[in-house]
Amino acid sequence: KTVISALHDLSLALQADRLIVMAAGRVHAQGACDDPLLHAALIDVF
């Protein structure tokens, strides 16, 4: 199945297959949860 959810809890979110990182209505990054570039984007938007 295709499961798409929004979550505030980042530690739970990091258990997913893929994250989409948004800020101010734009997609800032997307990728696998072990991607260092995705981690950097998370740190940046927060």
ModelCIF file with pLDDT and N, C-alpha, C, O atoms, coordinates in Angstrom:
data_MODEL
#
_entry.id   MODEL 
#
_entity.id                         1 
_entity.type                       polymer 
_entity.pdbx_number_of_molecules   1 
#
_entity_poly.entity_id                      1 
_entity_poly.type                           'polypeptide(L)' 
_entity_poly.nstd_linkage                   no 
_entity_poly.nstd_monomer                   no 
_entity_poly.pdbx_seq_one_letter_code       KTVISALHDLSLALQADRLIVMAAGRVHAQGACDDPLLHAALIDVF 
_entity_poly.pdbx_seq_one_letter_code_can   KTVISALHDLSLALQADRLIVMAAGRVHAQGACDDPLLHAALIDVF 
_entity_poly.pdbx_strand_id                 A 
#
loop_
_entity_poly_seq.entity_id 
_entity_poly_seq.num 
_entity_poly_seq.mon_id 
_entity_poly_seq.hetero 
1 1  LYS n 
1 2  THR n 
1 3  VAL n 
1 4  ILE n 
1 5  SER n 
1 6  ALA n 
1 7  LEU n 
1 8  HIS n 
1 9  ASP n 
1 10 LEU n 
1 11 SER n 
1 12 LEU n 
1 13 ALA n 
1 14 LEU n 
1 15 GLN n 
1 16 ALA n 
1 17 ASP n 
1 18 ARG n 
1 19 LEU n 
1 20 ILE n 
1 21 VAL n 
1 22 MET n 
1 23 ALA n 
1 24 ALA n 
1 25 GLY n 
1 26 ARG n 
1 27 VAL n 
1 28 HIS n 
1 29 ALA n 
1 30 GLN n 
1 31 GLY n 
1 32 ALA n 
1 33 CYS n 
1 34 ASP n 
1 35 ASP n 
1 36 PRO n 
1 37 LEU n 
1 38 LEU n 
1 39 HIS n 
1 40 ALA n 
1 41 ALA n 
1 42 LEU n 
1 43 ILE n 
1 44 ASP n 
1 45 VAL n 
1 46 PHE n 
#
_struct_asym.id          A 
_struct_asym.entity_id   1 
#
loop_
_ma_qa_metric.id 
_ma_qa_metric.mode 
_ma_qa_metric.name 
_ma_qa_metric.software_group_id 
_ma_qa_metric.type 
1 global pLDDT . pLDDT 
2 local  pLDDT . pLDDT 
#
_ma_qa_metric_global.metric_id      1 
_ma_qa_metric_global.metric_value   96.24 
_ma_qa_metric_global.model_id       1 
_ma_qa_metric_global.ordinal_id     1 
#
loop_
_ma_qa_metric_local.label_asym_id 
_ma_qa_metric_local.label_comp_id 
_ma_qa_metric_local.label_seq_id 
_ma_qa_metric_local.metric_id 
_ma_qa_metric_local.metric_value 
_ma_qa_metric_local.model_id 
_ma_qa_metric_local.ordinal_id 
A LYS 1  2 95.00 1 1  
A THR 2  2 96.00 1 2  
A VAL 3  2 97.00 1 3  
A ILE 4  2 98.00 1 4  
A SER 5  2 97.00 1 5  
A ALA 6  2 97.00 1 6  
A LEU 7  2 95.00 1 7  
A HIS 8  2 93.00 1 8  
A ASP 9  2 94.00 1 9  
A LEU 10 2 96.00 1 10 
A SER 11 2 95.00 1 11 
A LEU 12 2 96.00 1 12 
A ALA 13 2 97.00 1 13 
A LEU 14 2 97.00 1 14 
A GLN 15 2 96.00 1 15 
A ALA 16 2 97.00 1 16 
A ASP 17 2 96.00 1 17 
A ARG 18 2 97.00 1 18 
A LEU 19 2 97.00 1 19 
A ILE 20 2 98.00 1 20 
A VAL 21 2 98.00 1 21 
A MET 22 2 97.00 1 22 
A ALA 23 2 97.00 1 23 
A ALA 24 2 96.00 1 24 
A GLY 25 2 96.00 1 25 
A ARG 26 2 97.00 1 26 
A VAL 27 2 97.00 1 27 
A HIS 28 2 96.00 1 28 
A ALA 29 2 97.00 1 29 
A GLN 30 2 97.00 1 30 
A GLY 31 2 96.00 1 31 
A ALA 32 2 96.00 1 32 
A CYS 33 2 94.00 1 33 
A ASP 34 2 94.00 1 34 
A ASP 35 2 96.00 1 35 
A PRO 36 2 95.00 1 36 
A LEU 37 2 96.00 1 37 
A LEU 38 2 96.00 1 38 
A HIS 39 2 97.00 1 39 
A ALA 40 2 96.00 1 40 
A ALA 41 2 97.00 1 41 
A LEU 42 2 97.00 1 42 
A ILE 43 2 96.00 1 43 
A ASP 44 2 96.00 1 44 
A VAL 45 2 97.00 1 45 
A PHE 46 2 96.00 1 46 
#
loop_
_atom_site.group_PDB 
_atom_site.id 
_atom_site.type_symbol 
_atom_site.label_atom_id 
_atom_site.label_alt_id 
_atom_site.label_comp_id 
_atom_site.label_asym_id 
_atom_site.label_entity_id 
_atom_site.label_seq_id 
_atom_site.pdbx_PDB_ins_code 
_atom_site.Cartn_x 
_atom_site.Cartn_y 
_atom_site.Cartn_z 
_atom_site.occupancy 
_atom_site.B_iso_or_equiv 
_atom_site.pdbx_formal_charge 
_atom_site.auth_seq_id 
_atom_site.auth_comp_id 
_atom_site.auth_asym_id 
_atom_site.auth_atom_id 
_atom_site.pdbx_PDB_model_num 
ATOM 1   N N  . LYS A 1 1  ? 0.827  -1.200 0.000  1.00 95.00 ? 1  LYS A N  1 
ATOM 2   C CA . LYS A 1 1  ? 0.000  0.000  0.000  1.00 95.00 ? 1  LYS A CA 1 
ATOM 3   C C  . LYS A 1 1  ? 0.869  1.261  0.000  1.00 95.00 ? 1  LYS A C  1 
ATOM 4   O O  . LYS A 1 1  ? 2.037  1.241  0.390  1.00 95.00 ? 1  LYS A O  1 
ATOM 5   N N  . THR A 1 2  ? 0.257  2.350  -0.450 1.00 96.00 ? 2  THR A N  1 
ATOM 6   C CA . THR A 1 2  ? 0.888  3.666  -0.402 1.00 96.00 ? 2  THR A CA 1 
ATOM 7   C C  . THR A 1 2  ? 0.354  4.375  0.836  1.00 96.00 ? 2  THR A C  1 
ATOM 8   O O  . THR A 1 2  ? -0.837 4.671  0.923  1.00 96.00 ? 2  THR A O  1 
ATOM 9   N N  . VAL A 1 3  ? 1.235  4.644  1.787  1.00 97.00 ? 3  VAL A N  1 
ATOM 10  C CA . VAL A 1 3  ? 0.853  5.305  3.040  1.00 97.00 ? 3  VAL A CA 1 
ATOM 11  C C  . VAL A 1 3  ? 1.551  6.659  3.072  1.00 97.00 ? 3  VAL A C  1 
ATOM 12  O O  . VAL A 1 3  ? 2.777  6.736  2.992  1.00 97.00 ? 3  VAL A O  1 
ATOM 13  N N  . ILE A 1 4  ? 0.770  7.720  3.189  1.00 98.00 ? 4  ILE A N  1 
ATOM 14  C CA . ILE A 1 4  ? 1.307  9.077  3.262  1.00 98.00 ? 4  ILE A CA 1 
ATOM 15  C C  . ILE A 1 4  ? 0.748  9.723  4.512  1.00 98.00 ? 4  ILE A C  1 
ATOM 16  O O  . ILE A 1 4  ? -0.469 9.824  4.668  1.00 98.00 ? 4  ILE A O  1 
ATOM 17  N N  . SER A 1 5  ? 1.623  10.164 5.407  1.00 97.00 ? 5  SER A N  1 
ATOM 18  C CA . SER A 1 5  ? 1.158  10.761 6.659  1.00 97.00 ? 5  SER A CA 1 
ATOM 19  C C  . SER A 1 5  ? 1.952  12.011 6.969  1.00 97.00 ? 5  SER A C  1 
ATOM 20  O O  . SER A 1 5  ? 3.086  12.169 6.517  1.00 97.00 ? 5  SER A O  1 
ATOM 21  N N  . ALA A 1 6  ? 1.354  12.890 7.736  1.00 97.00 ? 6  ALA A N  1 
ATOM 22  C CA . ALA A 1 6  ? 2.052  14.028 8.323  1.00 97.00 ? 6  ALA A CA 1 
ATOM 23  C C  . ALA A 1 6  ? 2.252  13.728 9.799  1.00 97.00 ? 6  ALA A C  1 
ATOM 24  O O  . ALA A 1 6  ? 1.335  13.258 10.473 1.00 97.00 ? 6  ALA A O  1 
ATOM 25  N N  . LEU A 1 7  ? 3.455  14.000 10.301 1.00 95.00 ? 7  LEU A N  1 
ATOM 26  C CA . LEU A 1 7  ? 3.764  13.740 11.697 1.00 95.00 ? 7  LEU A CA 1 
ATOM 27  C C  . LEU A 1 7  ? 4.574  14.894 12.275 1.00 95.00 ? 7  LEU A C  1 
ATOM 28  O O  . LEU A 1 7  ? 5.435  15.462 11.603 1.00 95.00 ? 7  LEU A O  1 
ATOM 29  N N  . HIS A 1 8  ? 4.286  15.233 13.538 1.00 93.00 ? 8  HIS A N  1 
ATOM 30  C CA . HIS A 1 8  ? 5.122  16.182 14.264 1.00 93.00 ? 8  HIS A CA 1 
ATOM 31  C C  . HIS A 1 8  ? 6.300  15.489 14.931 1.00 93.00 ? 8  HIS A C  1 
ATOM 32  O O  . HIS A 1 8  ? 7.376  16.074 15.051 1.00 93.00 ? 8  HIS A O  1 
ATOM 33  N N  . ASP A 1 9  ? 6.109  14.256 15.364 1.00 94.00 ? 9  ASP A N  1 
ATOM 34  C CA . ASP A 1 9  ? 7.154  13.533 16.086 1.00 94.00 ? 9  ASP A CA 1 
ATOM 35  C C  . ASP A 1 9  ? 8.209  13.044 15.094 1.00 94.00 ? 9  ASP A C  1 
ATOM 36  O O  . ASP A 1 9  ? 7.979  12.100 14.339 1.00 94.00 ? 9  ASP A O  1 
ATOM 37  N N  . LEU A 1 10 ? 9.367  13.703 15.110 1.00 96.00 ? 10 LEU A N  1 
ATOM 38  C CA . LEU A 1 10 ? 10.390 13.396 14.117 1.00 96.00 ? 10 LEU A CA 1 
ATOM 39  C C  . LEU A 1 10 ? 10.992 12.009 14.314 1.00 96.00 ? 10 LEU A C  1 
ATOM 40  O O  . LEU A 1 10 ? 11.342 11.348 13.337 1.00 96.00 ? 10 LEU A O  1 
ATOM 41  N N  . SER A 1 11 ? 11.119 11.558 15.555 1.00 95.00 ? 11 SER A N  1 
ATOM 42  C CA . SER A 1 11 ? 11.688 10.226 15.774 1.00 95.00 ? 11 SER A CA 1 
ATOM 43  C C  . SER A 1 11 ? 10.778 9.142  15.215 1.00 95.00 ? 11 SER A C  1 
ATOM 44  O O  . SER A 1 11 ? 11.263 8.148  14.676 1.00 95.00 ? 11 SER A O  1 
ATOM 45  N N  . LEU A 1 12 ? 9.458  9.322  15.336 1.00 96.00 ? 12 LEU A N  1 
ATOM 46  C CA . LEU A 1 12 ? 8.532  8.381  14.707 1.00 96.00 ? 12 LEU A CA 1 
ATOM 47  C C  . LEU A 1 12 ? 8.611  8.503  13.189 1.00 96.00 ? 12 LEU A C  1 
ATOM 48  O O  . LEU A 1 12 ? 8.590  7.496  12.483 1.00 96.00 ? 12 LEU A O  1 
ATOM 49  N N  . ALA A 1 13 ? 8.701  9.731  12.687 1.00 97.00 ? 13 ALA A N  1 
ATOM 50  C CA . ALA A 1 13 ? 8.767  9.949  11.243 1.00 97.00 ? 13 ALA A CA 1 
ATOM 51  C C  . ALA A 1 13 ? 9.988  9.269  10.636 1.00 97.00 ? 13 ALA A C  1 
ATOM 52  O O  . ALA A 1 13 ? 9.931  8.772  9.512  1.00 97.00 ? 13 ALA A O  1 
ATOM 53  N N  . LEU A 1 14 ? 11.084 9.248  11.374 1.00 97.00 ? 14 LEU A N  1 
ATOM 54  C CA . LEU A 1 14 ? 12.322 8.656  10.865 1.00 97.00 ? 14 LEU A CA 1 
ATOM 55  C C  . LEU A 1 14 ? 12.265 7.128  10.772 1.00 97.00 ? 14 LEU A C  1 
ATOM 56  O O  . LEU A 1 14 ? 13.239 6.499  10.359 1.00 97.00 ? 14 LEU A O  1 
ATOM 57  N N  . GLN A 1 15 ? 11.144 6.534  11.149 1.00 96.00 ? 15 GLN A N  1 
ATOM 58  C CA . GLN A 1 15 ? 10.949 5.095  10.977 1.00 96.00 ? 15 GLN A CA 1 
ATOM 59  C C  . GLN A 1 15 ? 10.306 4.769  9.632  1.00 96.00 ? 15 GLN A C  1 
ATOM 60  O O  . GLN A 1 15 ? 10.150 3.598  9.287  1.00 96.00 ? 15 GLN A O  1 
ATOM 61  N N  . ALA A 1 16 ? 9.935  5.793  8.875  1.00 97.00 ? 16 ALA A N  1 
ATOM 62  C CA . ALA A 1 16 ? 9.274  5.580  7.590  1.00 97.00 ? 16 ALA A CA 1 
ATOM 63  C C  . ALA A 1 16 ? 10.283 5.211  6.511  1.00 97.00 ? 16 ALA A C  1 
ATOM 64  O O  . ALA A 1 16 ? 11.491 5.222  6.748  1.00 97.00 ? 16 ALA A O  1 
ATOM 65  N N  . ASP A 1 17 ? 9.777  4.886  5.327  1.00 96.00 ? 17 ASP A N  1 
ATOM 66  C CA . ASP A 1 17 ? 10.644 4.578  4.197  1.00 96.00 ? 17 ASP A CA 1 
ATOM 67  C C  . ASP A 1 17 ? 11.240 5.846  3.601  1.00 96.00 ? 17 ASP A C  1 
ATOM 68  O O  . ASP A 1 17 ? 12.364 5.844  3.100  1.00 96.00 ? 17 ASP A O  1 
ATOM 69  N N  . ARG A 1 18 ? 10.467 6.927  3.663  1.00 97.00 ? 18 ARG A N  1 
ATOM 70  C CA . ARG A 1 18 ? 10.856 8.149  2.950  1.00 97.00 ? 18 ARG A CA 1 
ATOM 71  C C  . ARG A 1 18 ? 10.289 9.350  3.699  1.00 97.00 ? 18 ARG A C  1 
ATOM 72  O O  . ARG A 1 18 ? 9.181  9.293  4.234  1.00 97.00 ? 18 ARG A O  1 
ATOM 73  N N  . LEU A 1 19 ? 11.051 10.430 3.733  1.00 97.00 ? 19 LEU A N  1 
ATOM 74  C CA . LEU A 1 19 ? 10.603 11.684 4.330  1.00 97.00 ? 19 LEU A CA 1 
ATOM 75  C C  . LEU A 1 19 ? 10.548 12.776 3.266  1.00 97.00 ? 19 LEU A C  1 
ATOM 76  O O  . LEU A 1 19 ? 11.386 12.834 2.366  1.00 97.00 ? 19 LEU A O  1 
ATOM 77  N N  . ILE A 1 20 ? 9.551  13.629 3.390  1.00 98.00 ? 20 ILE A N  1 
ATOM 78  C CA . ILE A 1 20 ? 9.473  14.874 2.629  1.00 98.00 ? 20 ILE A CA 1 
ATOM 79  C C  . ILE A 1 20 ? 9.550  16.003 3.635  1.00 98.00 ? 20 ILE A C  1 
ATOM 80  O O  . ILE A 1 20 ? 8.709  16.101 4.529  1.00 98.00 ? 20 ILE A O  1 
ATOM 81  N N  . VAL A 1 21 ? 10.547 16.853 3.496  1.00 98.00 ? 21 VAL A N  1 
ATOM 82  C CA . VAL A 1 21 ? 10.785 17.950 4.436  1.00 98.00 ? 21 VAL A CA 1 
ATOM 83  C C  . VAL A 1 21 ? 10.234 19.232 3.819  1.00 98.00 ? 21 VAL A C  1 
ATOM 84  O O  . VAL A 1 21 ? 10.645 19.639 2.733  1.00 98.00 ? 21 VAL A O  1 
ATOM 85  N N  . MET A 1 22 ? 9.288  19.869 4.536  1.00 97.00 ? 22 MET A N  1 
ATOM 86  C CA . MET A 1 22 ? 8.671  21.093 4.046  1.00 97.00 ? 22 MET A CA 1 
ATOM 87  C C  . MET A 1 22 ? 8.940  22.261 4.985  1.00 97.00 ? 22 MET A C  1 
ATOM 88  O O  . MET A 1 22 ? 9.139  22.077 6.186  1.00 97.00 ? 22 MET A O  1 
ATOM 89  N N  . ALA A 1 23 ? 8.942  23.448 4.427  1.00 97.00 ? 23 ALA A N  1 
ATOM 90  C CA . ALA A 1 23 ? 9.006  24.685 5.208  1.00 97.00 ? 23 ALA A CA 1 
ATOM 91  C C  . ALA A 1 23 ? 8.432  25.789 4.345  1.00 97.00 ? 23 ALA A C  1 
ATOM 92  O O  . ALA A 1 23 ? 8.730  25.875 3.154  1.00 97.00 ? 23 ALA A O  1 
ATOM 93  N N  . ALA A 1 24 ? 7.603  26.635 4.950  1.00 96.00 ? 24 ALA A N  1 
ATOM 94  C CA . ALA A 1 24 ? 7.011  27.788 4.263  1.00 96.00 ? 24 ALA A CA 1 
ATOM 95  C C  . ALA A 1 24 ? 6.355  27.403 2.936  1.00 96.00 ? 24 ALA A C  1 
ATOM 96  O O  . ALA A 1 24 ? 6.439  28.144 1.956  1.00 96.00 ? 24 ALA A O  1 
ATOM 97  N N  . GLY A 1 25 ? 5.703  26.239 2.914  1.00 96.00 ? 25 GLY A N  1 
ATOM 98  C CA . GLY A 1 25 ? 4.936  25.840 1.749  1.00 96.00 ? 25 GLY A CA 1 
ATOM 99  C C  . GLY A 1 25 ? 5.729  25.274 0.601  1.00 96.00 ? 25 GLY A C  1 
ATOM 100 O O  . GLY A 1 25 ? 5.195  25.080 -0.491 1.00 96.00 ? 25 GLY A O  1 
ATOM 101 N N  . ARG A 1 26 ? 7.011  25.003 0.836  1.00 97.00 ? 26 ARG A N  1 
ATOM 102 C CA . ARG A 1 26 ? 7.856  24.470 -0.229 1.00 97.00 ? 26 ARG A CA 1 
ATOM 103 C C  . ARG A 1 26 ? 8.505  23.159 0.223  1.00 97.00 ? 26 ARG A C  1 
ATOM 104 O O  . ARG A 1 26 ? 8.718  22.942 1.416  1.00 97.00 ? 26 ARG A O  1 
ATOM 105 N N  . VAL A 1 27 ? 8.812  22.299 -0.730 1.00 97.00 ? 27 VAL A N  1 
ATOM 106 C CA . VAL A 1 27 ? 9.557  21.077 -0.448 1.00 97.00 ? 27 VAL A CA 1 
ATOM 107 C C  . VAL A 1 27 ? 11.037 21.425 -0.419 1.00 97.00 ? 27 VAL A C  1 
ATOM 108 O O  . VAL A 1 27 ? 11.599 21.880 -1.416 1.00 97.00 ? 27 VAL A O  1 
ATOM 109 N N  . HIS A 1 28 ? 11.670 21.205 0.748  1.00 96.00 ? 28 HIS A N  1 
ATOM 110 C CA . HIS A 1 28 ? 13.092 21.506 0.895  1.00 96.00 ? 28 HIS A CA 1 
ATOM 111 C C  . HIS A 1 28 ? 13.973 20.300 0.644  1.00 96.00 ? 28 HIS A C  1 
ATOM 112 O O  . HIS A 1 28 ? 15.119 20.452 0.221  1.00 96.00 ? 28 HIS A O  1 
ATOM 113 N N  . ALA A 1 29 ? 13.470 19.120 0.893  1.00 97.00 ? 29 ALA A N  1 
ATOM 114 C CA . ALA A 1 29 ? 14.258 17.904 0.666  1.00 97.00 ? 29 ALA A CA 1 
ATOM 115 C C  . ALA A 1 29 ? 13.322 16.712 0.703  1.00 97.00 ? 29 ALA A C  1 
ATOM 116 O O  . ALA A 1 29 ? 12.231 16.778 1.269  1.00 97.00 ? 29 ALA A O  1 
ATOM 117 N N  . GLN A 1 30 ? 13.752 15.639 0.103  1.00 97.00 ? 30 GLN A N  1 
ATOM 118 C CA . GLN A 1 30 ? 13.047 14.359 0.204  1.00 97.00 ? 30 GLN A CA 1 
ATOM 119 C C  . GLN A 1 30 ? 14.055 13.252 0.011  1.00 97.00 ? 30 GLN A C  1 
ATOM 120 O O  . GLN A 1 30 ? 15.028 13.403 -0.728 1.00 97.00 ? 30 GLN A O  1 
ATOM 121 N N  . GLY A 1 31 ? 13.818 12.133 0.683  1.00 96.00 ? 31 GLY A N  1 
ATOM 122 C CA . GLY A 1 31 ? 14.740 11.023 0.548  1.00 96.00 ? 31 GLY A CA 1 
ATOM 123 C C  . GLY A 1 31 ? 14.539 9.989  1.623  1.00 96.00 ? 31 GLY A C  1 
ATOM 124 O O  . GLY A 1 31 ? 13.629 10.085 2.446  1.00 96.00 ? 31 GLY A O  1 
ATOM 125 N N  . ALA A 1 32 ? 15.417 8.985  1.603  1.00 96.00 ? 32 ALA A N  1 
ATOM 126 C CA . ALA A 1 32 ? 15.371 7.917  2.602  1.00 96.00 ? 32 ALA A CA 1 
ATOM 127 C C  . ALA A 1 32 ? 15.748 8.470  3.969  1.00 96.00 ? 32 ALA A C  1 
ATOM 128 O O  . ALA A 1 32 ? 16.450 9.475  4.079  1.00 96.00 ? 32 ALA A O  1 
ATOM 129 N N  . CYS A 1 33 ? 15.269 7.793  5.006  1.00 94.00 ? 33 CYS A N  1 
ATOM 130 C CA . CYS A 1 33 ? 15.436 8.310  6.365  1.00 94.00 ? 33 CYS A CA 1 
ATOM 131 C C  . CYS A 1 33 ? 16.863 8.216  6.878  1.00 94.00 ? 33 CYS A C  1 
ATOM 132 O O  . CYS A 1 33 ? 17.182 8.798  7.914  1.00 94.00 ? 33 CYS A O  1 
ATOM 133 N N  . ASP A 1 34 ? 17.738 7.486  6.166  1.00 94.00 ? 34 ASP A N  1 
ATOM 134 C CA . ASP A 1 34 ? 19.137 7.413  6.578  1.00 94.00 ? 34 ASP A CA 1 
ATOM 135 C C  . ASP A 1 34 ? 20.036 8.319  5.730  1.00 94.00 ? 34 ASP A C  1 
ATOM 136 O O  . ASP A 1 34 ? 21.260 8.220  5.807  1.00 94.00 ? 34 ASP A O  1 
ATOM 137 N N  . ASP A 1 35 ? 19.443 9.189  4.933  1.00 96.00 ? 35 ASP A N  1 
ATOM 138 C CA . ASP A 1 35 ? 20.193 10.062 4.028  1.00 96.00 ? 35 ASP A CA 1 
ATOM 139 C C  . ASP A 1 35 ? 20.772 11.251 4.792  1.00 96.00 ? 35 ASP A C  1 
ATOM 140 O O  . ASP A 1 35 ? 20.006 12.031 5.358  1.00 96.00 ? 35 ASP A O  1 
ATOM 141 N N  . PRO A 1 36 ? 22.103 11.417 4.831  1.00 95.00 ? 36 PRO A N  1 
ATOM 142 C CA . PRO A 1 36 ? 22.702 12.541 5.550  1.00 95.00 ? 36 PRO A CA 1 
ATOM 143 C C  . PRO A 1 36 ? 22.228 13.905 5.044  1.00 95.00 ? 36 PRO A C  1 
ATOM 144 O O  . PRO A 1 36 ? 22.085 14.842 5.830  1.00 95.00 ? 36 PRO A O  1 
ATOM 145 N N  . LEU A 1 37 ? 21.985 14.021 3.745  1.00 96.00 ? 37 LEU A N  1 
ATOM 146 C CA . LEU A 1 37 ? 21.504 15.292 3.209  1.00 96.00 ? 37 LEU A CA 1 
ATOM 147 C C  . LEU A 1 37 ? 20.101 15.606 3.724  1.00 96.00 ? 37 LEU A C  1 
ATOM 148 O O  . LEU A 1 37 ? 19.765 16.764 3.972  1.00 96.00 ? 37 LEU A O  1 
ATOM 149 N N  . LEU A 1 38 ? 19.286 14.559 3.882  1.00 96.00 ? 38 LEU A N  1 
ATOM 150 C CA . LEU A 1 38 ? 17.953 14.749 4.449  1.00 96.00 ? 38 LEU A CA 1 
ATOM 151 C C  . LEU A 1 38 ? 18.061 15.189 5.902  1.00 96.00 ? 38 LEU A C  1 
ATOM 152 O O  . LEU A 1 38 ? 17.329 16.079 6.335  1.00 96.00 ? 38 LEU A O  1 
ATOM 153 N N  . HIS A 1 39 ? 18.966 14.576 6.660  1.00 97.00 ? 39 HIS A N  1 
ATOM 154 C CA . HIS A 1 39 ? 19.176 14.973 8.054  1.00 97.00 ? 39 HIS A CA 1 
ATOM 155 C C  . HIS A 1 39 ? 19.586 16.442 8.137  1.00 97.00 ? 39 HIS A C  1 
ATOM 156 O O  . HIS A 1 39 ? 19.102 17.177 8.998  1.00 97.00 ? 39 HIS A O  1 
ATOM 157 N N  . ALA A 1 40 ? 20.469 16.862 7.251  1.00 96.00 ? 40 ALA A N  1 
ATOM 158 C CA . ALA A 1 40 ? 20.908 18.259 7.248  1.00 96.00 ? 40 ALA A CA 1 
ATOM 159 C C  . ALA A 1 40 ? 19.737 19.197 6.957  1.00 96.00 ? 40 ALA A C  1 
ATOM 160 O O  . ALA A 1 40 ? 19.644 20.273 7.548  1.00 96.00 ? 40 ALA A O  1 
ATOM 161 N N  . ALA A 1 41 ? 18.840 18.794 6.049  1.00 97.00 ? 41 ALA A N  1 
ATOM 162 C CA . ALA A 1 41 ? 17.677 19.618 5.738  1.00 97.00 ? 41 ALA A CA 1 
ATOM 163 C C  . ALA A 1 41 ? 16.739 19.710 6.936  1.00 97.00 ? 41 ALA A C  1 
ATOM 164 O O  . ALA A 1 41 ? 16.182 20.773 7.209  1.00 97.00 ? 41 ALA A O  1 
ATOM 165 N N  . LEU A 1 42 ? 16.563 18.595 7.656  1.00 97.00 ? 42 LEU A N  1 
ATOM 166 C CA . LEU A 1 42 ? 15.735 18.612 8.853  1.00 97.00 ? 42 LEU A CA 1 
ATOM 167 C C  . LEU A 1 42 ? 16.282 19.593 9.885  1.00 97.00 ? 42 LEU A C  1 
ATOM 168 O O  . LEU A 1 42 ? 15.545 20.411 10.436 1.00 97.00 ? 42 LEU A O  1 
ATOM 169 N N  . ILE A 1 43 ? 17.572 19.497 10.135 1.00 96.00 ? 43 ILE A N  1 
ATOM 170 C CA . ILE A 1 43 ? 18.208 20.393 11.107 1.00 96.00 ? 43 ILE A CA 1 
ATOM 171 C C  . ILE A 1 43 ? 18.045 21.842 10.677 1.00 96.00 ? 43 ILE A C  1 
ATOM 172 O O  . ILE A 1 43 ? 17.813 22.720 11.508 1.00 96.00 ? 43 ILE A O  1 
ATOM 173 N N  . ASP A 1 44 ? 18.166 22.091 9.373  1.00 96.00 ? 44 ASP A N  1 
ATOM 174 C CA . ASP A 1 44 ? 18.053 23.452 8.856  1.00 96.00 ? 44 ASP A CA 1 
ATOM 175 C C  . ASP A 1 44 ? 16.659 24.020 9.040  1.00 96.00 ? 44 ASP A C  1 
ATOM 176 O O  . ASP A 1 44 ? 16.509 25.132 9.547  1.00 96.00 ? 44 ASP A O  1 
ATOM 177 N N  . VAL A 1 45 ? 15.606 23.258 8.627  1.00 97.00 ? 45 VAL A N  1 
ATOM 178 C CA . VAL A 1 45 ? 14.251 23.823 8.698  1.00 97.00 ? 45 VAL A CA 1 
ATOM 179 C C  . VAL A 1 45 ? 13.774 23.971 10.145 1.00 97.00 ? 45 VAL A C  1 
ATOM 180 O O  . VAL A 1 45 ? 12.882 24.773 10.425 1.00 97.00 ? 45 VAL A O  1 
ATOM 181 N N  . PHE A 1 46 ? 14.363 23.203 11.062 1.00 96.00 ? 46 PHE A N  1 
ATOM 182 C CA . PHE A 1 46 ? 14.034 23.374 12.484 1.00 96.00 ? 46 PHE A CA 1 
ATOM 183 C C  . PHE A 1 46 ? 15.055 24.264 13.202 1.00 96.00 ? 46 PHE A C  1 
ATOM 184 O O  . PHE A 1 46 ? 14.925 24.508 14.402 1.00 96.00 ? 46 PHE A O  1 
#
